Amino acid sequence: MARKKASAESFETMMARLSEIAGLMESRDIDIEKAMALYEEGFELIGRLRAVLDAAEEKVKLLGPDGKLADLDGGEGGR
């Protein structure tokens, strides 16, 4: 359970940083080198965030109607 909470906090932290990066990039007084570094950091964050969301989506797809995880072969059962 602690692992799930840590993962959620990590996701929230990454989202907050991405939002911060977007705000910094909208600044009129940012130089090109700083803008490129922020762009690269943001691009990396988006990839990591997408991976977290994709993993969550796959887990949801495996949930059966009873809320238990389905076996990979299509049978139902908890893990």
PDB file of N, CA and C in Angstrom:
ATOM      1  N   MET A   1       0.819  -1.184   0.000  1.00  0.00           N
ATOM      2  CA  MET A   1       0.000   0.000   0.000  1.00  0.00           C
ATOM      3  C   MET A   1       0.865   1.251   0.000  1.00  0.00           C
ATOM      4  N   ALA A   2       1.960   1.242   0.742  1.00  0.00           N
ATOM      5  CA  ALA A   2       2.857   2.390   0.784  1.00  0.00           C
ATOM      6  C   ALA A   2       3.459   2.647  -0.590  1.00  0.00           C
ATOM      7  N   ARG A   3       3.712   1.587  -1.350  1.00  0.00           N
ATOM      8  CA  ARG A   3       4.272   1.737  -2.684  1.00  0.00           C
ATOM      9  C   ARG A   3       3.309   2.480  -3.598  1.00  0.00           C
ATOM     10  N   LYS A   4       2.018   2.168  -3.517  1.00  0.00           N
ATOM     11  CA  LYS A   4       1.022   2.848  -4.336  1.00  0.00           C
ATOM     12  C   LYS A   4       0.959   4.323  -3.990  1.00  0.00           C
ATOM     13  N   LYS A   5       1.032   4.653  -2.694  1.00  0.00           N
ATOM     14  CA  LYS A   5       0.981   6.040  -2.269  1.00  0.00           C
ATOM     15  C   LYS A   5       2.214   6.788  -2.767  1.00  0.00           C
ATOM     16  N   ALA A   6       3.379   6.174  -2.661  1.00  0.00           N
ATOM     17  CA  ALA A   6       4.608   6.803  -3.130  1.00  0.00           C
ATOM     18  C   ALA A   6       4.537   7.051  -4.625  1.00  0.00           C
ATOM     19  N   SER A   7       3.987   6.099  -5.368  1.00  0.00           N
ATOM     20  CA  SER A   7       3.843   6.250  -6.806  1.00  0.00           C
ATOM     21  C   SER A   7       2.923   7.414  -7.144  1.00  0.00           C
ATOM     22  N   ALA A   8       1.821   7.541  -6.414  1.00  0.00           N
ATOM     23  CA  ALA A   8       0.889   8.639  -6.649  1.00  0.00           C
ATOM     24  C   ALA A   8       1.546   9.975  -6.330  1.00  0.00           C
ATOM     25  N   GLU A   9       2.307  10.035  -5.252  1.00  0.00           N
ATOM     26  CA  GLU A   9       3.007  11.269  -4.908  1.00  0.00           C
ATOM     27  C   GLU A   9       4.035  11.612  -5.976  1.00  0.00           C
ATOM     28  N   SER A  10       4.713  10.621  -6.472  1.00  0.00           N
ATOM     29  CA  SER A  10       5.693  10.835  -7.519  1.00  0.00           C
ATOM     30  C   SER A  10       5.015  11.385  -8.774  1.00  0.00           C
ATOM     31  N   PHE A  11       3.857  10.832  -9.111  1.00  0.00           N
ATOM     32  CA  PHE A  11       3.107  11.314 -10.268  1.00  0.00           C
ATOM     33  C   PHE A  11       2.717  12.772 -10.059  1.00  0.00           C
ATOM     34  N   GLU A  12       2.205  13.072  -8.871  1.00  0.00           N
ATOM     35  CA  GLU A  12       1.802  14.449  -8.568  1.00  0.00           C
ATOM     36  C   GLU A  12       2.996  15.397  -8.606  1.00  0.00           C
ATOM     37  N   THR A  13       4.128  14.945  -8.108  1.00  0.00           N
ATOM     38  CA  THR A  13       5.336  15.772  -8.130  1.00  0.00           C
ATOM     39  C   THR A  13       5.764  16.055  -9.561  1.00  0.00           C
ATOM     40  N   MET A  14       5.723  15.022 -10.398  1.00  0.00           N
ATOM     41  CA  MET A  14       6.089  15.209 -11.804  1.00  0.00           C
ATOM     42  C   MET A  14       5.123  16.158 -12.502  1.00  0.00           C
ATOM     43  N   MET A  15       3.838  16.034 -12.209  1.00  0.00           N
ATOM     44  CA  MET A  15       2.851  16.937 -12.811  1.00  0.00           C
ATOM     45  C   MET A  15       3.090  18.381 -12.373  1.00  0.00           C
ATOM     46  N   ALA A  16       3.411  18.565 -11.102  1.00  0.00           N
ATOM     47  CA  ALA A  16       3.682  19.913 -10.596  1.00  0.00           C
ATOM     48  C   ALA A  16       4.902  20.512 -11.290  1.00  0.00           C
ATOM     49  N   ARG A  17       5.943  19.708 -11.461  1.00  0.00           N
ATOM     50  CA  ARG A  17       7.148  20.206 -12.139  1.00  0.00           C
ATOM     51  C   ARG A  17       6.843  20.530 -13.595  1.00  0.00           C
ATOM     52  N   LEU A  18       6.057  19.713 -14.260  1.00  0.00           N
ATOM     53  CA  LEU A  18       5.696  19.977 -15.650  1.00  0.00           C
ATOM     54  C   LEU A  18       4.927  21.287 -15.763  1.00  0.00           C
ATOM     55  N   SER A  19       4.044  21.529 -14.834  1.00  0.00           N
ATOM     56  CA  SER A  19       3.298  22.785 -14.808  1.00  0.00           C
ATOM     57  C   SER A  19       4.239  23.968 -14.577  1.00  0.00           C
ATOM     58  N   GLU A  20       5.195  23.773 -13.687  1.00  0.00           N
ATOM     59  CA  GLU A  20       6.183  24.822 -13.417  1.00  0.00           C
ATOM     60  C   GLU A  20       7.002  25.122 -14.674  1.00  0.00           C
ATOM     61  N   ILE A  21       7.415  24.079 -15.374  1.00  0.00           N
ATOM     62  CA  ILE A  21       8.185  24.241 -16.609  1.00  0.00           C
ATOM     63  C   ILE A  21       7.380  25.022 -17.639  1.00  0.00           C
ATOM     64  N   ALA A  22       6.110  24.681 -17.784  1.00  0.00           N
ATOM     65  CA  ALA A  22       5.258  25.391 -18.743  1.00  0.00           C
ATOM     66  C   ALA A  22       5.199  26.875 -18.400  1.00  0.00           C
ATOM     67  N   GLY A  23       5.062  27.190 -17.129  1.00  0.00           N
ATOM     68  CA  GLY A  23       5.031  28.589 -16.713  1.00  0.00           C
ATOM     69  C   GLY A  23       6.332  29.309 -17.004  1.00  0.00           C
ATOM     70  N   LEU A  24       7.446  28.651 -16.731  1.00  0.00           N
ATOM     71  CA  LEU A  24       8.750  29.258 -16.993  1.00  0.00           C
ATOM     72  C   LEU A  24       8.963  29.502 -18.483  1.00  0.00           C
ATOM     73  N   MET A  25       8.496  28.567 -19.310  1.00  0.00           N
ATOM     74  CA  MET A  25       8.688  28.716 -20.754  1.00  0.00           C
ATOM     75  C   MET A  25       7.827  29.829 -21.341  1.00  0.00           C
ATOM     76  N   GLU A  26       6.768  30.197 -20.646  1.00  0.00           N
ATOM     77  CA  GLU A  26       5.925  31.298 -21.116  1.00  0.00           C
ATOM     78  C   GLU A  26       6.518  32.664 -20.780  1.00  0.00           C
ATOM     79  N   SER A  27       7.563  32.668 -19.977  1.00  0.00           N
ATOM     80  CA  SER A  27       8.207  33.916 -19.579  1.00  0.00           C
ATOM     81  C   SER A  27       8.854  34.585 -20.791  1.00  0.00           C
ATOM     82  N   ARG A  28       8.718  35.892 -20.879  1.00  0.00           N
ATOM     83  CA  ARG A  28       9.298  36.633 -22.005  1.00  0.00           C
ATOM     84  C   ARG A  28      10.804  36.817 -21.872  1.00  0.00           C
ATOM     85  N   ASP A  29      11.327  36.720 -20.667  1.00  0.00           N
ATOM     86  CA  ASP A  29      12.753  36.998 -20.470  1.00  0.00           C
ATOM     87  C   ASP A  29      13.611  35.736 -20.347  1.00  0.00           C
ATOM     88  N   ILE A  30      13.143  34.622 -20.875  1.00  0.00           N
ATOM     89  CA  ILE A  30      13.911  33.374 -20.822  1.00  0.00           C
ATOM     90  C   ILE A  30      14.853  33.310 -22.030  1.00  0.00           C
ATOM     91  N   ASP A  31      16.107  32.912 -21.782  1.00  0.00           N
ATOM     92  CA  ASP A  31      17.038  32.797 -22.906  1.00  0.00           C
ATOM     93  C   ASP A  31      16.865  31.436 -23.584  1.00  0.00           C
ATOM     94  N   ILE A  32      17.386  31.330 -24.776  1.00  0.00           N
ATOM     95  CA  ILE A  32      17.159  30.144 -25.607  1.00  0.00           C
ATOM     96  C   ILE A  32      17.755  28.879 -24.980  1.00  0.00           C
ATOM     97  N   GLU A  33      18.919  29.001 -24.349  1.00  0.00           N
ATOM     98  CA  GLU A  33      19.539  27.825 -23.730  1.00  0.00           C
ATOM     99  C   GLU A  33      18.677  27.289 -22.594  1.00  0.00           C
ATOM    100  N   LYS A  34      18.166  28.194 -21.768  1.00  0.00           N
ATOM    101  CA  LYS A  34      17.299  27.795 -20.655  1.00  0.00           C
ATOM    102  C   LYS A  34      16.000  27.189 -21.196  1.00  0.00           C
ATOM    103  N   ALA A  35      15.458  27.802 -22.245  1.00  0.00           N
ATOM    104  CA  ALA A  35      14.223  27.291 -22.843  1.00  0.00           C
ATOM    105  C   ALA A  35      14.421  25.873 -23.382  1.00  0.00           C
ATOM    106  N   MET A  36      15.549  25.637 -24.034  1.00  0.00           N
ATOM    107  CA  MET A  36      15.818  24.300 -24.577  1.00  0.00           C
ATOM    108  C   MET A  36      15.997  23.273 -23.459  1.00  0.00           C
ATOM    109  N   ALA A  37      16.685  23.660 -22.387  1.00  0.00           N
ATOM    110  CA  ALA A  37      16.871  22.745 -21.259  1.00  0.00           C
ATOM    111  C   ALA A  37      15.526  22.410 -20.618  1.00  0.00           C
ATOM    112  N   LEU A  38      14.675  23.410 -20.467  1.00  0.00           N
ATOM    113  CA  LEU A  38      13.346  23.175 -19.894  1.00  0.00           C
ATOM    114  C   LEU A  38      12.499  22.307 -20.819  1.00  0.00           C
ATOM    115  N   TYR A  39      12.601  22.542 -22.124  1.00  0.00           N
ATOM    116  CA  TYR A  39      11.860  21.741 -23.096  1.00  0.00           C
ATOM    117  C   TYR A  39      12.263  20.269 -22.981  1.00  0.00           C
ATOM    118  N   GLU A  40      13.566  20.020 -22.914  1.00  0.00           N
ATOM    119  CA  GLU A  40      14.055  18.646 -22.799  1.00  0.00           C
ATOM    120  C   GLU A  40      13.573  17.996 -21.505  1.00  0.00           C
ATOM    121  N   GLU A  41      13.634  18.743 -20.409  1.00  0.00           N
ATOM    122  CA  GLU A  41      13.164  18.205 -19.130  1.00  0.00           C
ATOM    123  C   GLU A  41      11.664  17.905 -19.192  1.00  0.00           C
ATOM    124  N   GLY A  42      10.912  18.819 -19.776  1.00  0.00           N
ATOM    125  CA  GLY A  42       9.470  18.618 -19.909  1.00  0.00           C
ATOM    126  C   GLY A  42       9.141  17.415 -20.778  1.00  0.00           C
ATOM    127  N   PHE A  43       9.873  17.268 -21.869  1.00  0.00           N
ATOM    128  CA  PHE A  43       9.654  16.140 -22.773  1.00  0.00           C
ATOM    129  C   PHE A  43       9.913  14.821 -22.052  1.00  0.00           C
ATOM    130  N   GLU A  44      10.986  14.777 -21.245  1.00  0.00           N
ATOM    131  CA  GLU A  44      11.294  13.571 -20.466  1.00  0.00           C
ATOM    132  C   GLU A  44      10.195  13.295 -19.436  1.00  0.00           C
ATOM    133  N   LEU A  45       9.732  14.337 -18.762  1.00  0.00           N
ATOM    134  CA  LEU A  45       8.659  14.174 -17.778  1.00  0.00           C
ATOM    135  C   LEU A  45       7.390  13.635 -18.425  1.00  0.00           C
ATOM    136  N   ILE A  46       7.060  14.140 -19.592  1.00  0.00           N
ATOM    137  CA  ILE A  46       5.862  13.670 -20.295  1.00  0.00           C
ATOM    138  C   ILE A  46       5.974  12.173 -20.575  1.00  0.00           C
ATOM    139  N   GLY A  47       7.141  11.721 -20.988  1.00  0.00           N
ATOM    140  CA  GLY A  47       7.345  10.292 -21.230  1.00  0.00           C
ATOM    141  C   GLY A  47       7.158   9.461 -19.976  1.00  0.00           C
ATOM    142  N   ARG A  48       7.704   9.940 -18.864  1.00  0.00           N
ATOM    143  CA  ARG A  48       7.555   9.215 -17.597  1.00  0.00           C
ATOM    144  C   ARG A  48       6.109   9.223 -17.124  1.00  0.00           C
ATOM    145  N   LEU A  49       5.442  10.353 -17.268  1.00  0.00           N
ATOM    146  CA  LEU A  49       4.029  10.435 -16.874  1.00  0.00           C
ATOM    147  C   LEU A  49       3.170   9.516 -17.735  1.00  0.00           C
ATOM    148  N   ARG A  50       3.454   9.492 -19.024  1.00  0.00           N
ATOM    149  CA  ARG A  50       2.704   8.620 -19.932  1.00  0.00           C
ATOM    150  C   ARG A  50       2.890   7.158 -19.551  1.00  0.00           C
ATOM    151  N   ALA A  51       4.100   6.778 -19.148  1.00  0.00           N
ATOM    152  CA  ALA A  51       4.361   5.393 -18.737  1.00  0.00           C
ATOM    153  C   ALA A  51       3.541   5.030 -17.500  1.00  0.00           C
ATOM    154  N   VAL A  52       3.448   5.950 -16.551  1.00  0.00           N
ATOM    155  CA  VAL A  52       2.638   5.702 -15.348  1.00  0.00           C
ATOM    156  C   VAL A  52       1.172   5.533 -15.730  1.00  0.00           C
ATOM    157  N   LEU A  53       0.686   6.412 -16.595  1.00  0.00           N
ATOM    158  CA  LEU A  53      -0.718   6.331 -17.016  1.00  0.00           C
ATOM    159  C   LEU A  53      -0.993   5.061 -17.817  1.00  0.00           C
ATOM    160  N   ASP A  54      -0.056   4.685 -18.687  1.00  0.00           N
ATOM    161  CA  ASP A  54      -0.227   3.456 -19.466  1.00  0.00           C
ATOM    162  C   ASP A  54      -0.285   2.231 -18.558  1.00  0.00           C
ATOM    163  N   ALA A  55       0.568   2.201 -17.537  1.00  0.00           N
ATOM    164  CA  ALA A  55       0.560   1.076 -16.595  1.00  0.00           C
ATOM    165  C   ALA A  55      -0.763   1.016 -15.841  1.00  0.00           C
ATOM    166  N   ALA A  56      -1.263   2.164 -15.441  1.00  0.00           N
ATOM    167  CA  ALA A  56      -2.551   2.200 -14.737  1.00  0.00           C
ATOM    168  C   ALA A  56      -3.676   1.740 -15.660  1.00  0.00           C
ATOM    169  N   GLU A  57      -3.620   2.156 -16.916  1.00  0.00           N
ATOM    170  CA  GLU A  57      -4.650   1.752 -17.876  1.00  0.00           C
ATOM    171  C   GLU A  57      -4.645   0.238 -18.082  1.00  0.00           C
ATOM    172  N   GLU A  58      -3.463  -0.350 -18.192  1.00  0.00           N
ATOM    173  CA  GLU A  58      -3.369  -1.802 -18.366  1.00  0.00           C
ATOM    174  C   GLU A  58      -3.935  -2.536 -17.160  1.00  0.00           C
ATOM    175  N   LYS A  59      -3.672  -2.028 -15.973  1.00  0.00           N
ATOM    176  CA  LYS A  59      -4.196  -2.664 -14.767  1.00  0.00           C
ATOM    177  C   LYS A  59      -5.717  -2.586 -14.747  1.00  0.00           C
ATOM    178  N   VAL A  60      -6.266  -1.448 -15.133  1.00  0.00           N
ATOM    179  CA  VAL A  60      -7.724  -1.296 -15.173  1.00  0.00           C
ATOM    180  C   VAL A  60      -8.323  -2.264 -16.186  1.00  0.00           C
ATOM    181  N   LYS A  61      -7.656  -2.441 -17.321  1.00  0.00           N
ATOM    182  CA  LYS A  61      -8.153  -3.366 -18.341  1.00  0.00           C
ATOM    183  C   LYS A  61      -8.195  -4.801 -17.825  1.00  0.00           C
ATOM    184  N   LEU A  62      -7.300  -5.134 -16.890  1.00  0.00           N
ATOM    185  CA  LEU A  62      -7.243  -6.493 -16.358  1.00  0.00           C
ATOM    186  C   LEU A  62      -8.249  -6.739 -15.246  1.00  0.00           C
ATOM    187  N   LEU A  63      -8.870  -5.689 -14.743  1.00  0.00           N
ATOM    188  CA  LEU A  63      -9.860  -5.868 -13.681  1.00  0.00           C
ATOM    189  C   LEU A  63     -11.123  -6.509 -14.237  1.00  0.00           C
ATOM    190  N   GLY A  64     -11.572  -7.540 -13.579  1.00  0.00           N
ATOM    191  CA  GLY A  64     -12.805  -8.202 -13.981  1.00  0.00           C
ATOM    192  C   GLY A  64     -14.010  -7.468 -13.427  1.00  0.00           C
ATOM    193  N   PRO A  65     -15.204  -7.919 -13.793  1.00  0.00           N
ATOM    194  CA  PRO A  65     -16.431  -7.276 -13.320  1.00  0.00           C
ATOM    195  C   PRO A  65     -16.580  -7.318 -11.802  1.00  0.00           C
ATOM    196  N   ASP A  66     -15.905  -8.284 -11.165  1.00  0.00           N
ATOM    197  CA  ASP A  66     -15.989  -8.386  -9.708  1.00  0.00           C
ATOM    198  C   ASP A  66     -14.903  -7.568  -9.004  1.00  0.00           C
ATOM    199  N   GLY A  67     -14.088  -6.859  -9.782  1.00  0.00           N
ATOM    200  CA  GLY A  67     -13.052  -6.022  -9.201  1.00  0.00           C
ATOM    201  C   GLY A  67     -11.746  -6.736  -8.930  1.00  0.00           C
ATOM    202  N   LYS A  68     -11.673  -8.031  -9.276  1.00  0.00           N
ATOM    203  CA  LYS A  68     -10.439  -8.790  -9.082  1.00  0.00           C
ATOM    204  C   LYS A  68      -9.639  -8.785 -10.374  1.00  0.00           C
ATOM    205  N   LEU A  69      -8.328  -8.912 -10.224  1.00  0.00           N
ATOM    206  CA  LEU A  69      -7.475  -8.961 -11.401  1.00  0.00           C
ATOM    207  C   LEU A  69      -7.693 -10.268 -12.149  1.00  0.00           C
ATOM    208  N   ALA A  70      -7.850 -10.183 -13.451  1.00  0.00           N
ATOM    209  CA  ALA A  70      -8.018 -11.365 -14.287  1.00  0.00           C
ATOM    210  C   ALA A  70      -6.643 -11.947 -14.597  1.00  0.00           C
ATOM    211  N   ASP A  71      -6.583 -13.271 -14.752  1.00  0.00           N
ATOM    212  CA  ASP A  71      -5.349 -13.912 -15.178  1.00  0.00           C
ATOM    213  C   ASP A  71      -5.062 -13.492 -16.610  1.00  0.00           C
ATOM    214  N   LEU A  72      -3.791 -13.562 -17.008  1.00  0.00           N
ATOM    215  CA  LEU A  72      -3.424 -13.173 -18.360  1.00  0.00           C
ATOM    216  C   LEU A  72      -4.049 -14.070 -19.419  1.00  0.00           C
ATOM    217  N   ASP A  73      -4.392 -15.321 -19.055  1.00  0.00           N
ATOM    218  CA  ASP A  73      -5.009 -16.224 -20.026  1.00  0.00           C
ATOM    219  C   ASP A  73      -6.514 -16.011 -20.145  1.00  0.00           C
ATOM    220  N   GLY A  74      -7.032 -15.007 -19.469  1.00  0.00           N
ATOM    221  CA  GLY A  74      -8.455 -14.700 -19.576  1.00  0.00           C
ATOM    222  C   GLY A  74      -9.274 -15.185 -18.414  1.00  0.00           C
ATOM    223  N   GLY A  75      -8.736 -16.103 -17.604  1.00  0.00           N
ATOM    224  CA  GLY A  75      -9.453 -16.564 -16.424  1.00  0.00           C
ATOM    225  C   GLY A  75      -9.423 -15.495 -15.351  1.00  0.00           C
ATOM    226  N   GLU A  76     -10.298 -15.633 -14.375  1.00  0.00           N
ATOM    227  CA  GLU A  76     -10.321 -14.639 -13.313  1.00  0.00           C
ATOM    228  C   GLU A  76      -9.693 -15.201 -12.058  1.00  0.00           C
ATOM    229  N   GLY A  77      -9.132 -14.322 -11.283  1.00  0.00           N
ATOM    230  CA  GLY A  77      -8.533 -14.717 -10.013  1.00  0.00           C
ATOM    231  C   GLY A  77      -7.659 -13.603  -9.504  1.00  0.00           C
ATOM    232  N   GLY A  78      -7.490 -13.548  -8.236  1.00  0.00           N
ATOM    233  CA  GLY A  78      -6.661 -12.501  -7.648  1.00  0.00           C
ATOM    234  C   GLY A  78      -5.198 -12.848  -7.754  1.00  0.00           C
ATOM    235  N   ARG A  79      -4.350 -11.850  -7.688  1.00  0.00           N
ATOM    236  CA  ARG A  79      -2.912 -12.077  -7.716  1.00  0.00           C
ATOM    237  C   ARG A  79      -2.343 -11.857  -6.367  1.00  0.00           C
TER     238      ARG A  79
END
